[in-house]
């Protein structure tokens, strides 16, 4: 195996793949992913990617304003401006790479509407846009001779050493069984996605344990606004940890949100009704639950033409049939669920962190674009714009900075014990009680004290550096940072009473 790389990218969602494609072809690049290359939060994105591609009726100024309104004006204006101005160019590049966005009867790209947007500007591939983009990016990445991909690998150690980085990865394939592989890199891009598995229920994939944020925190990188957690209002209300998302675009196409009595209620809480931003709808559901004394809520689009529903939402339709519901006939049970993180590793407009040579892109980063609540379909756009920016910055640096690769070795034996069972379950239970839609300050304080104990035990317990141990430590670190941020922000925290 090669040991020295110019750039190591951790994560294979849109940010990691798109960033890799824009790195100079003279750079030796390694992409590391925890499971299969196709498994990421990006692949689960249903709705689409937001961009102003029809200047005849839309305007970048409107997209900027919609983003600021959704984020409670806690966004970074420079980052929002960069996102909205450069986004259309990146979307056009996706088309050049083979991404197939749906078209209308006239052959024009079909644009749909989602909550918080003042204009239809969401480009989509049916209801599986993320998967379409990821699959096409993978095809393009695999054509690049300078890029190596490691699947089924997890980075458990990352240290800044001299002018580069040392990396400890547990590698697992047909020839290696959780073997420690030590690597050196000039630059590192963290594209590790979200933190959904810190909650009991999430729409995120199984790998979303906040590893990149935990690694960056251990290195001393600045972490910002980790309490800015988004709860999507319309996840399928099944009793499983990974809940299936009923895309916002279903409401954009006219679905009605109903309470236990079959009544629409959102205009009671916001004049925009079902098309208010996600945090507003989620808090509206919680308020309605308190008012009517029931947690039963439904999304109903059955009044629409069945053919339209099946063609527009084939993936959602098929998934619901498995659960015993017909989207063309039945109201679908829904309930808020952890969905996205707006905070993360703080970066500048080049996606550079406060650790020299370390970059963060996508959901694990805090660009300031989203403020306190992400506008629908801005996440894929952020991944495109800011991973491209990171690649450009690395390309420019690599031309003037001499190649330097530190000794990558890590201690061979860092513990022999296996972690006790139930740690992750306890963390999730605490977070679900303390910080679900509307934070509970008393439960947050008590939960923080307990999770700090868990984290100390993990750090000092002499445990074997395994996949299970590392993810548990990541979750404990993320939970601590979220609850600390909730405590510090108080009434300023998103969702605060």
Protein backbone atom coordinates (compact mmCIF):
# COMPACT_ATOMS: atom_id res chain seq x y z
CA UNK A 1 0.00 0.00 0.00
CA UNK A 2 1.04 3.57 -0.61
CA UNK A 3 1.82 5.47 2.58
CA UNK A 4 2.24 9.08 1.44
CA UNK A 5 -0.51 11.10 -0.24
CA UNK A 6 -0.84 14.73 -1.21
CA UNK A 7 -4.50 14.83 -0.16
CA UNK A 8 -6.54 12.44 1.95
CA UNK A 9 -10.32 12.90 1.75
CA UNK A 10 -12.38 11.27 4.50
CA UNK A 11 -15.94 10.65 3.31
CA UNK A 12 -17.62 9.86 -0.01
CA UNK A 13 -20.73 11.97 -0.09
CA UNK A 14 -21.15 14.76 -2.63
CA UNK A 15 -18.57 16.97 -0.88
CA UNK A 16 -15.82 14.34 -0.87
CA UNK A 17 -16.41 13.12 -4.42
CA UNK A 18 -16.92 16.53 -6.01
CA UNK A 19 -13.91 17.96 -4.18
CA UNK A 20 -11.75 15.06 -5.40
CA UNK A 21 -12.74 15.72 -9.01
CA UNK A 22 -11.49 19.31 -8.78
CA UNK A 23 -8.08 18.54 -7.29
CA UNK A 24 -5.12 18.95 -9.62
CA UNK A 25 -4.53 15.69 -11.50
CA UNK A 26 -0.85 15.82 -10.49
CA UNK A 27 -1.82 15.37 -6.83
CA UNK A 28 -1.96 11.87 -5.38
CA UNK A 29 -5.35 11.57 -3.67
CA UNK A 30 -6.80 8.94 -1.33
CA UNK A 31 -10.53 8.80 -0.52
CA UNK A 32 -11.48 6.85 2.62
CA UNK A 33 -15.04 5.73 3.39
CA UNK A 34 -16.40 3.73 6.32
CA UNK A 35 -18.60 1.34 4.37
CA UNK A 36 -19.50 1.04 0.68
CA UNK A 37 -18.69 4.12 -1.37
CA UNK A 38 -22.39 4.59 -2.15
CA UNK A 39 -23.45 4.86 1.52
CA UNK A 40 -23.71 8.47 2.66
CA UNK A 41 -26.26 11.04 3.75
CA UNK A 42 -25.88 12.57 0.30
CA UNK A 43 -27.21 9.39 -1.29
CA UNK A 44 -30.34 9.62 0.88
CA UNK A 45 -31.17 13.17 -0.23
CA UNK A 46 -34.55 13.05 -1.93
CA UNK A 47 -35.72 16.56 -2.70
CA UNK A 48 -33.06 18.08 -4.92
CA UNK A 49 -30.53 20.86 -5.23
CA UNK A 50 -31.54 24.52 -5.08
CA UNK A 51 -30.09 26.97 -7.58
CA UNK A 52 -31.22 29.96 -9.63
CA UNK A 53 -31.11 28.50 -13.14
CA UNK A 54 -34.01 30.52 -14.62
CA UNK A 55 -33.02 34.20 -14.30
CA UNK A 56 -36.07 35.12 -16.38
CA UNK A 57 -38.31 34.71 -13.32
CA UNK A 58 -35.92 34.01 -10.42
CA UNK A 59 -32.99 35.96 -9.02
CA UNK A 60 -29.98 35.18 -6.86
CA UNK A 61 -31.13 37.96 -4.52
CA UNK A 62 -34.32 36.02 -3.80
CA UNK A 63 -32.36 32.84 -3.06
CA UNK A 64 -30.11 34.77 -0.68
CA UNK A 65 -33.08 36.32 1.10
CA UNK A 66 -34.91 33.00 1.39
CA UNK A 67 -31.78 31.43 2.90
CA UNK A 68 -31.40 34.25 5.43
CA UNK A 69 -35.06 34.12 6.45
CA UNK A 70 -34.98 30.34 6.94
CA UNK A 71 -31.77 30.64 8.99
CA UNK A 72 -33.23 33.27 11.31
CA UNK A 73 -30.70 35.78 9.93
CA UNK A 74 -27.98 33.98 11.91
CA UNK A 75 -26.26 33.11 8.63
CA UNK A 76 -22.92 34.42 7.40
CA UNK A 77 -23.88 36.75 4.55
CA UNK A 78 -20.60 36.33 2.65
CA UNK A 79 -20.98 32.54 2.70
CA UNK A 80 -24.64 32.74 1.63
CA UNK A 81 -23.74 35.07 -1.23
CA UNK A 82 -20.98 32.72 -2.37
CA UNK A 83 -23.39 29.77 -2.22
CA UNK A 84 -26.15 31.40 -4.24
CA UNK A 85 -23.93 33.16 -6.80
CA UNK A 86 -21.67 30.17 -7.55
CA UNK A 87 -24.33 27.47 -7.18
CA UNK A 88 -25.78 27.69 -10.71
CA UNK A 89 -22.33 27.12 -12.27
CA UNK A 90 -21.79 24.00 -10.12
CA UNK A 91 -25.21 22.62 -11.04
CA UNK A 92 -24.45 23.08 -14.73
CA UNK A 93 -21.19 21.22 -14.18
CA UNK A 94 -23.15 18.32 -12.65
CA UNK A 95 -25.12 18.11 -15.88
CA UNK A 96 -21.85 18.01 -17.83
CA UNK A 97 -20.78 15.10 -15.61
CA UNK A 98 -23.92 13.21 -16.61
CA UNK A 99 -26.36 13.97 -13.78
CA UNK A 100 -29.87 13.51 -15.14
CA UNK A 101 -32.25 16.14 -13.77
CA UNK A 102 -35.95 15.75 -14.62
CA UNK A 103 -37.38 17.86 -17.43
CA UNK A 104 -40.85 19.18 -18.15
CA UNK A 105 -43.05 18.73 -21.23
CA UNK A 106 -41.08 21.44 -23.06
CA UNK A 107 -37.75 19.74 -22.37
CA UNK A 108 -36.67 22.34 -19.81
CA UNK A 109 -35.28 21.33 -16.44
CA UNK A 110 -38.24 20.80 -14.13
CA UNK A 111 -38.10 23.02 -11.04
CA UNK A 112 -40.14 22.27 -7.96
CA UNK A 113 -40.99 24.24 -4.82
CA UNK A 114 -40.06 23.41 -1.23
CA UNK A 115 -40.65 24.99 2.16
CA UNK A 116 -39.09 28.43 2.63
CA UNK A 117 -38.46 29.07 -1.07
CA UNK A 118 -40.23 32.02 -2.71
CA UNK A 119 -39.76 30.54 -6.19
CA UNK A 120 -39.65 27.03 -7.67
CA UNK A 121 -35.89 26.49 -8.06
CA UNK A 122 -35.27 22.90 -6.97
CA UNK A 123 -33.67 20.70 -9.63
CA UNK A 124 -34.35 17.03 -8.98
CA UNK A 125 -34.12 13.49 -10.29
CA UNK A 126 -37.54 12.11 -9.33
CA UNK A 127 -37.34 11.71 -5.54
CA UNK A 128 -33.79 10.31 -5.36
CA UNK A 129 -31.65 13.26 -6.42
CA UNK A 130 -28.82 12.58 -3.99
CA UNK A 131 -28.39 9.02 -5.21
CA UNK A 132 -28.32 10.16 -8.85
CA UNK A 133 -25.65 12.77 -8.13
CA UNK A 134 -23.51 10.45 -6.00
CA UNK A 135 -23.65 7.63 -8.54
CA UNK A 136 -22.58 9.89 -11.40
CA UNK A 137 -19.79 11.43 -9.32
CA UNK A 138 -18.52 7.96 -8.41
CA UNK A 139 -18.36 7.02 -12.10
CA UNK A 140 -16.29 10.11 -12.81
CA UNK A 141 -14.01 9.70 -9.79
CA UNK A 142 -13.21 6.10 -10.71
CA UNK A 143 -11.90 7.30 -14.08
CA UNK A 144 -9.21 9.43 -12.43
CA UNK A 145 -5.79 7.76 -12.32
CA UNK A 146 -4.57 9.97 -9.47
CA UNK A 147 -7.39 8.93 -7.08
CA UNK A 148 -7.37 5.81 -4.90
CA UNK A 149 -10.48 4.71 -2.99
CA UNK A 150 -10.52 2.72 0.24
CA UNK A 151 -13.89 1.32 1.24
CA UNK A 152 -14.73 -0.29 4.60
CA UNK A 153 -12.13 1.83 6.36
CA UNK A 154 -12.47 4.16 9.32
CA UNK A 155 -10.03 6.85 10.38
CA UNK A 156 -9.46 6.45 14.13
CA UNK A 157 -6.49 8.77 14.49
CA UNK A 158 -5.64 12.12 12.91
CA UNK A 159 -2.77 14.32 14.08
CA UNK A 160 -1.08 17.43 12.77
CA UNK A 161 2.65 16.71 12.58
CA UNK A 162 4.97 19.36 11.20
CA UNK A 163 3.67 20.54 7.83
CA UNK A 164 1.47 17.50 7.27
CA UNK A 165 -0.80 14.96 8.92
CA UNK A 166 -0.49 11.47 10.34
CA UNK A 167 -3.50 9.20 9.87
CA UNK A 168 -4.41 5.91 11.52
CA UNK A 169 -7.07 4.01 9.57
CA UNK A 170 -8.63 0.65 10.37
CA UNK A 171 -8.70 -1.10 6.99
CA UNK A 172 -11.00 -4.02 6.31
CA UNK A 173 -11.25 -5.92 3.02
CA UNK A 174 -10.66 -9.45 1.71
CA UNK A 175 -6.97 -9.19 2.60
CA UNK A 176 -7.15 -7.12 5.79
CA UNK A 177 -9.24 -7.59 8.95
CA UNK A 178 -9.42 -4.27 10.84
CA UNK A 179 -5.72 -3.77 10.23
CA UNK A 180 -4.17 -0.48 11.33
CA UNK A 181 -2.76 1.38 8.35
CA UNK A 182 -0.63 4.45 9.01
CA UNK A 183 -0.67 7.18 6.35
CA UNK A 184 0.89 10.59 5.83
CA UNK A 185 -0.75 13.47 3.97
CA UNK A 186 0.07 17.04 3.08
CA UNK A 187 -3.59 18.09 3.27
CA UNK A 188 -6.75 16.52 4.67
CA UNK A 189 -10.37 17.15 3.68
CA UNK A 190 -12.98 16.06 6.22
CA UNK A 191 -16.24 15.27 4.41
CA UNK A 192 -17.70 12.92 7.01
CA UNK A 193 -21.33 14.03 7.00
CA UNK A 194 -23.74 14.36 9.90
CA UNK A 195 -24.33 13.37 13.50
CA UNK A 196 -27.75 11.71 13.28
CA UNK A 197 -26.82 8.58 15.22
CA UNK A 198 -26.39 10.64 18.37
CA UNK A 199 -30.22 10.73 18.52
CA UNK A 200 -32.59 7.81 19.04
CA UNK A 201 -34.32 8.44 15.71
CA UNK A 202 -32.77 9.99 12.60
CA UNK A 203 -33.14 10.10 8.84
CA UNK A 204 -29.35 9.75 8.55
CA UNK A 205 -27.46 6.68 7.42
CA UNK A 206 -25.85 4.24 9.85
CA UNK A 207 -22.42 5.86 9.40
CA UNK A 208 -23.49 9.34 10.59
CA UNK A 209 -21.70 9.34 13.95
CA UNK A 210 -19.94 12.71 13.73
CA UNK A 211 -16.45 11.20 13.37
CA UNK A 212 -14.93 14.09 11.43
CA UNK A 213 -16.11 16.68 13.94
CA UNK A 214 -14.76 14.58 16.82
CA UNK A 215 -11.39 14.19 15.09
CA UNK A 216 -11.19 17.92 14.38
CA UNK A 217 -12.12 18.74 17.99
CA UNK A 218 -9.37 16.47 19.28
CA UNK A 219 -6.91 18.38 17.06
CA UNK A 220 -8.02 21.72 18.49
CA UNK A 221 -9.99 22.95 15.47
CA UNK A 222 -12.72 25.46 16.25
CA UNK A 223 -16.20 23.89 16.43
CA UNK A 224 -19.15 26.25 16.11
CA UNK A 225 -22.93 26.18 16.66
CA UNK A 226 -23.24 22.44 17.25
CA UNK A 227 -26.63 23.01 18.88
CA UNK A 228 -27.98 24.11 15.49
CA UNK A 229 -29.64 20.76 14.79
CA UNK A 230 -32.50 20.49 12.31
CA UNK A 231 -35.45 18.18 12.91
CA UNK A 232 -37.33 17.36 9.72
CA UNK A 233 -41.10 17.57 10.31
CA UNK A 234 -42.19 14.71 8.06
CA UNK A 235 -40.21 11.54 8.70
CA UNK A 236 -42.24 8.33 8.41
CA UNK A 237 -43.39 7.52 11.94
CA UNK A 238 -42.18 3.94 12.05
CA UNK A 239 -40.61 2.44 15.17
CA UNK A 240 -37.11 2.08 13.70
CA UNK A 241 -33.92 3.99 14.46
CA UNK A 242 -33.29 5.05 10.86
CA UNK A 243 -36.54 6.64 9.78
CA UNK A 244 -37.55 7.03 6.17
CA UNK A 245 -37.92 10.64 5.08
CA UNK A 246 -41.05 11.88 3.32
CA UNK A 247 -39.40 14.57 1.23
CA UNK A 248 -40.26 18.23 1.60
CA UNK A 249 -41.02 18.18 -2.10
CA UNK A 250 -44.17 16.16 -1.33
CA UNK A 251 -45.50 19.19 0.52
CA UNK A 252 -44.13 21.34 -2.28
CA UNK A 253 -46.41 19.42 -4.66
CA UNK A 254 -49.44 20.07 -2.44
CA UNK A 255 -49.49 17.47 0.37
CA UNK A 256 -51.53 18.47 3.42
CA UNK A 257 -50.28 18.05 6.98
CA UNK A 258 -53.07 16.77 9.24
CA UNK A 259 -53.54 16.28 12.98
CA UNK A 260 -55.17 13.27 14.65
CA UNK A 261 -58.62 14.61 13.71
CA UNK A 262 -57.73 14.83 10.01
CA UNK A 263 -57.57 18.63 10.15
CA UNK A 264 -54.98 20.95 8.63
CA UNK A 265 -53.42 23.03 11.40
CA UNK A 266 -50.17 24.71 10.30
CA UNK A 267 -51.76 28.07 9.48
CA UNK A 268 -52.58 28.25 13.19
CA UNK A 269 -48.83 28.64 13.77
CA UNK A 270 -47.54 30.28 10.58
CA UNK A 271 -49.27 31.91 7.57
CA UNK A 272 -47.04 29.91 5.21
CA UNK A 273 -48.70 26.72 6.45
CA UNK A 274 -47.11 23.47 5.29
CA UNK A 275 -44.53 25.40 3.25
CA UNK A 276 -42.99 27.22 6.20
CA UNK A 277 -39.31 26.38 6.90
CA UNK A 278 -38.63 23.04 8.54
CA UNK A 279 -37.98 24.30 12.06
CA UNK A 280 -41.25 26.23 12.01
CA UNK A 281 -43.25 23.20 10.87
CA UNK A 282 -41.57 20.90 13.41
CA UNK A 283 -42.32 23.31 16.25
CA UNK A 284 -45.85 23.71 14.89
CA UNK A 285 -46.34 19.94 15.16
CA UNK A 286 -45.07 19.93 18.75
CA UNK A 287 -47.40 22.81 19.66
CA UNK A 288 -50.34 21.06 18.00
CA UNK A 289 -49.50 17.85 19.86
CA UNK A 290 -49.75 19.76 23.12
CA UNK A 291 -53.02 21.41 22.03
CA UNK A 292 -54.85 18.25 20.93
CA UNK A 293 -53.14 15.76 23.25
CA UNK A 294 -52.00 13.37 20.51
CA UNK A 295 -48.75 12.62 18.70
CA UNK A 296 -50.53 11.23 15.64
CA UNK A 297 -49.91 13.30 12.51
CA UNK A 298 -50.36 12.54 8.83
CA UNK A 299 -49.26 13.75 5.42
CA UNK A 300 -51.89 13.40 2.70
CA UNK A 301 -51.42 13.86 -1.05
CA UNK A 302 -53.98 11.22 -2.05
CA UNK A 303 -56.23 13.81 -3.70
CA UNK A 304 -53.65 14.19 -6.49
CA UNK A 305 -53.61 12.09 -9.66
CA UNK A 306 -52.19 8.62 -8.78
CA UNK A 307 -50.09 8.52 -11.96
CA UNK A 308 -48.48 11.85 -11.11
CA UNK A 309 -47.69 10.67 -7.57
CA UNK A 310 -46.11 7.40 -8.74
CA UNK A 311 -44.01 9.11 -11.41
CA UNK A 312 -42.94 12.05 -9.23
CA UNK A 313 -42.21 10.06 -6.07
CA UNK A 314 -41.38 6.49 -7.13
CA UNK A 315 -38.91 5.77 -4.33
CA UNK A 316 -41.16 7.14 -1.59
CA UNK A 317 -44.18 5.36 -3.07
CA UNK A 318 -42.36 2.01 -3.18
CA UNK A 319 -40.89 2.35 0.32
CA UNK A 320 -44.28 3.17 1.82
CA UNK A 321 -45.90 0.17 0.12
CA UNK A 322 -43.44 -2.02 2.02
CA UNK A 323 -44.70 -0.41 5.24
CA UNK A 324 -48.32 -1.04 4.26
CA UNK A 325 -49.24 2.45 3.05
CA UNK A 326 -50.27 3.60 -0.44
CA UNK A 327 -49.24 7.21 -1.07
CA UNK A 328 -51.97 7.51 -3.71
CA UNK A 329 -54.70 6.46 -1.26
CA UNK A 330 -53.63 6.76 2.38
CA UNK A 331 -52.67 9.52 4.77
CA UNK A 332 -49.07 8.72 5.81
CA UNK A 333 -48.11 8.81 9.53
CA UNK A 334 -45.29 11.32 10.08
CA UNK A 335 -43.43 12.86 13.00
CA UNK A 336 -40.39 15.15 13.43
CA UNK A 337 -37.03 13.43 13.39
CA UNK A 338 -33.37 14.48 13.57
CA UNK A 339 -32.26 15.27 10.03
CA UNK A 340 -29.38 17.72 9.62
CA UNK A 341 -26.63 19.64 11.39
CA UNK A 342 -26.10 23.31 10.58
CA UNK A 343 -23.12 23.71 12.93
CA UNK A 344 -19.83 21.85 12.76
CA UNK A 345 -16.14 22.42 12.09
CA UNK A 346 -15.77 26.16 11.56
CA UNK A 347 -14.33 27.05 8.15
CA UNK A 348 -13.68 30.12 6.03
CA UNK A 349 -14.83 30.74 2.46
CA UNK A 350 -12.11 28.35 1.22
CA UNK A 351 -13.40 25.61 3.56
CA UNK A 352 -10.15 25.91 5.56
CA UNK A 353 -10.38 25.15 9.29
CA UNK A 354 -8.35 26.78 12.06
CA UNK A 355 -5.81 23.92 11.74
CA UNK A 356 -3.44 24.67 8.87
CA UNK A 357 -3.88 22.26 5.99
CA UNK A 358 -7.13 20.80 7.34
CA UNK A 359 -10.32 21.42 5.35
CA UNK A 360 -13.94 20.52 6.10
CA UNK A 361 -16.77 20.35 3.58
CA UNK A 362 -20.41 19.32 3.58
CA UNK A 363 -22.53 18.64 6.64
CA UNK A 364 -19.59 18.22 9.04
CA UNK A 365 -18.52 21.82 8.34
CA UNK A 366 -19.84 25.13 9.60
CA UNK A 367 -19.67 27.54 6.68
CA UNK A 368 -22.31 29.84 8.18
CA UNK A 369 -24.52 29.31 5.14
CA UNK A 370 -27.48 27.80 6.97
CA UNK A 371 -27.74 29.94 10.09
CA UNK A 372 -30.02 28.36 12.70
CA UNK A 373 -32.07 26.36 10.18
CA UNK A 374 -31.16 25.02 6.75
CA UNK A 375 -33.30 26.05 3.80
CA UNK A 376 -34.53 22.98 1.92
CA UNK A 377 -32.17 21.67 -0.80
CA UNK A 378 -29.33 24.01 0.10
CA UNK A 379 -27.25 21.15 1.54
CA UNK A 380 -26.20 19.53 -1.73
CA UNK A 381 -25.48 22.99 -3.13
CA UNK A 382 -23.24 23.81 -0.15
CA UNK A 383 -21.35 20.54 -0.64
CA UNK A 384 -20.70 21.41 -4.30
CA UNK A 385 -19.69 25.04 -3.87
CA UNK A 386 -17.47 24.68 -0.82
CA UNK A 387 -15.74 21.41 -1.75
CA UNK A 388 -14.80 23.05 -5.07
CA UNK A 389 -13.45 26.00 -3.08
CA UNK A 390 -11.38 23.66 -0.88
CA UNK A 391 -9.93 21.92 -3.94
CA UNK A 392 -9.01 25.25 -5.54
CA UNK A 393 -7.29 26.37 -2.34
CA UNK A 394 -5.32 23.13 -2.02
CA UNK A 395 -4.33 23.28 -5.71
CA UNK A 396 -2.93 26.79 -5.28
CA UNK A 397 -1.04 25.88 -2.09
CA UNK A 398 0.42 22.70 -3.54
CA UNK A 399 2.18 24.68 -6.29
CA UNK A 400 4.20 26.77 -3.82
CA UNK A 401 4.55 24.55 -0.74
CA UNK A 402 7.18 21.78 -0.74
CA UNK A 403 5.91 18.24 -0.29
CA UNK A 404 6.38 17.17 3.32
CA UNK A 405 5.24 13.84 4.76
CA UNK A 406 5.58 13.24 8.51
CA UNK A 407 6.23 9.92 10.21
CA UNK A 408 2.67 8.49 10.36
CA UNK A 409 3.19 5.83 13.03
CA UNK A 410 0.81 5.63 15.99
CA UNK A 411 1.28 3.58 19.21
CA UNK A 412 0.77 -0.10 18.41
CA UNK A 413 -1.13 -1.07 21.58
CA UNK A 414 -3.49 1.48 23.08
CA UNK A 415 -5.71 -0.83 25.15
CA UNK A 416 -7.09 -4.34 25.39
CA UNK A 417 -10.57 -3.94 26.89
CA UNK A 418 -13.79 -3.94 24.90
CA UNK A 419 -16.30 -1.20 25.67
CA UNK A 420 -19.35 -2.09 27.78
CA UNK A 421 -22.59 -2.68 25.90
CA UNK A 422 -25.33 -0.06 25.92
CA UNK A 423 -23.18 3.10 25.82
CA UNK A 424 -24.53 4.37 22.52
CA UNK A 425 -28.09 3.49 23.50
CA UNK A 426 -27.75 5.55 26.69
CA UNK A 427 -26.32 8.54 24.80
CA UNK A 428 -29.18 8.46 22.30
CA UNK A 429 -31.80 8.27 25.04
CA UNK A 430 -30.28 11.30 26.80
CA UNK A 431 -30.17 13.35 23.61
CA UNK A 432 -33.72 12.45 22.61
CA UNK A 433 -34.99 13.69 25.97
CA UNK A 434 -32.78 16.75 26.30
CA UNK A 435 -32.67 18.20 22.78
CA UNK A 436 -35.58 17.16 20.59
CA UNK A 437 -37.09 20.05 18.52
CA UNK A 438 -37.39 22.24 21.64
CA UNK A 439 -34.47 21.85 24.08
CA UNK A 440 -35.19 21.07 27.74
CA UNK A 441 -32.60 23.07 29.77
CA UNK A 442 -32.92 20.96 32.93
CA UNK A 443 -32.59 17.65 31.08
CA UNK A 444 -29.77 19.11 28.98
CA UNK A 445 -27.77 19.99 32.12
CA UNK A 446 -28.30 16.58 33.70
CA UNK A 447 -27.60 14.82 30.39
CA UNK A 448 -24.38 16.77 29.88
CA UNK A 449 -23.08 15.70 33.28
CA UNK A 450 -23.74 12.03 32.51
CA UNK A 451 -22.28 12.12 29.00
CA UNK A 452 -19.14 13.82 30.28
CA UNK A 453 -18.76 10.84 32.64
CA UNK A 454 -19.20 8.44 29.73
CA UNK A 455 -16.62 10.26 27.63
CA UNK A 456 -14.07 10.28 30.45
CA UNK A 457 -14.63 6.56 30.95
CA UNK A 458 -14.05 5.92 27.23
CA UNK A 459 -10.86 8.00 27.17
CA UNK A 460 -9.37 6.57 30.36
CA UNK A 461 -10.65 3.00 30.32
CA UNK A 462 -7.85 1.33 28.39
CA UNK A 463 -10.16 0.23 25.59
CA UNK A 464 -9.12 -1.43 22.35
CA UNK A 465 -9.13 0.92 19.36
CA UNK A 466 -11.94 -0.76 17.45
CA UNK A 467 -14.62 0.47 15.06
CA UNK A 468 -17.20 0.18 17.87
CA UNK A 469 -15.06 2.07 20.39
CA UNK A 470 -14.24 4.90 18.00
CA UNK A 471 -17.88 5.50 17.02
CA UNK A 472 -18.96 5.45 20.68
CA UNK A 473 -16.27 8.04 21.49
CA UNK A 474 -17.37 10.17 18.54
CA UNK A 475 -21.00 10.08 19.69
CA UNK A 476 -20.05 10.96 23.27
CA UNK A 477 -17.93 13.87 22.05
CA UNK A 478 -20.66 15.19 19.76
CA UNK A 479 -23.34 14.87 22.46
CA UNK A 480 -21.16 16.81 24.92
CA UNK A 481 -20.53 19.58 22.41
CA UNK A 482 -24.21 19.89 21.51
CA UNK A 483 -25.40 20.06 25.12
CA UNK A 484 -22.61 22.47 26.08
CA UNK A 485 -23.67 24.73 23.21
CA UNK A 486 -27.33 24.50 24.25
CA UNK A 487 -26.36 25.52 27.80
CA UNK A 488 -24.23 28.44 26.62
CA UNK A 489 -26.79 29.78 24.14
CA UNK A 490 -29.82 29.43 26.40
CA UNK A 491 -32.72 31.33 24.83
CA UNK A 492 -30.62 31.97 21.70
CA UNK A 493 -30.47 28.27 20.84
CA UNK A 494 -32.65 27.12 17.93
CA UNK A 495 -35.99 25.89 19.22
CA UNK A 496 -35.43 27.39 22.68
CA UNK A 497 -38.56 28.15 24.64
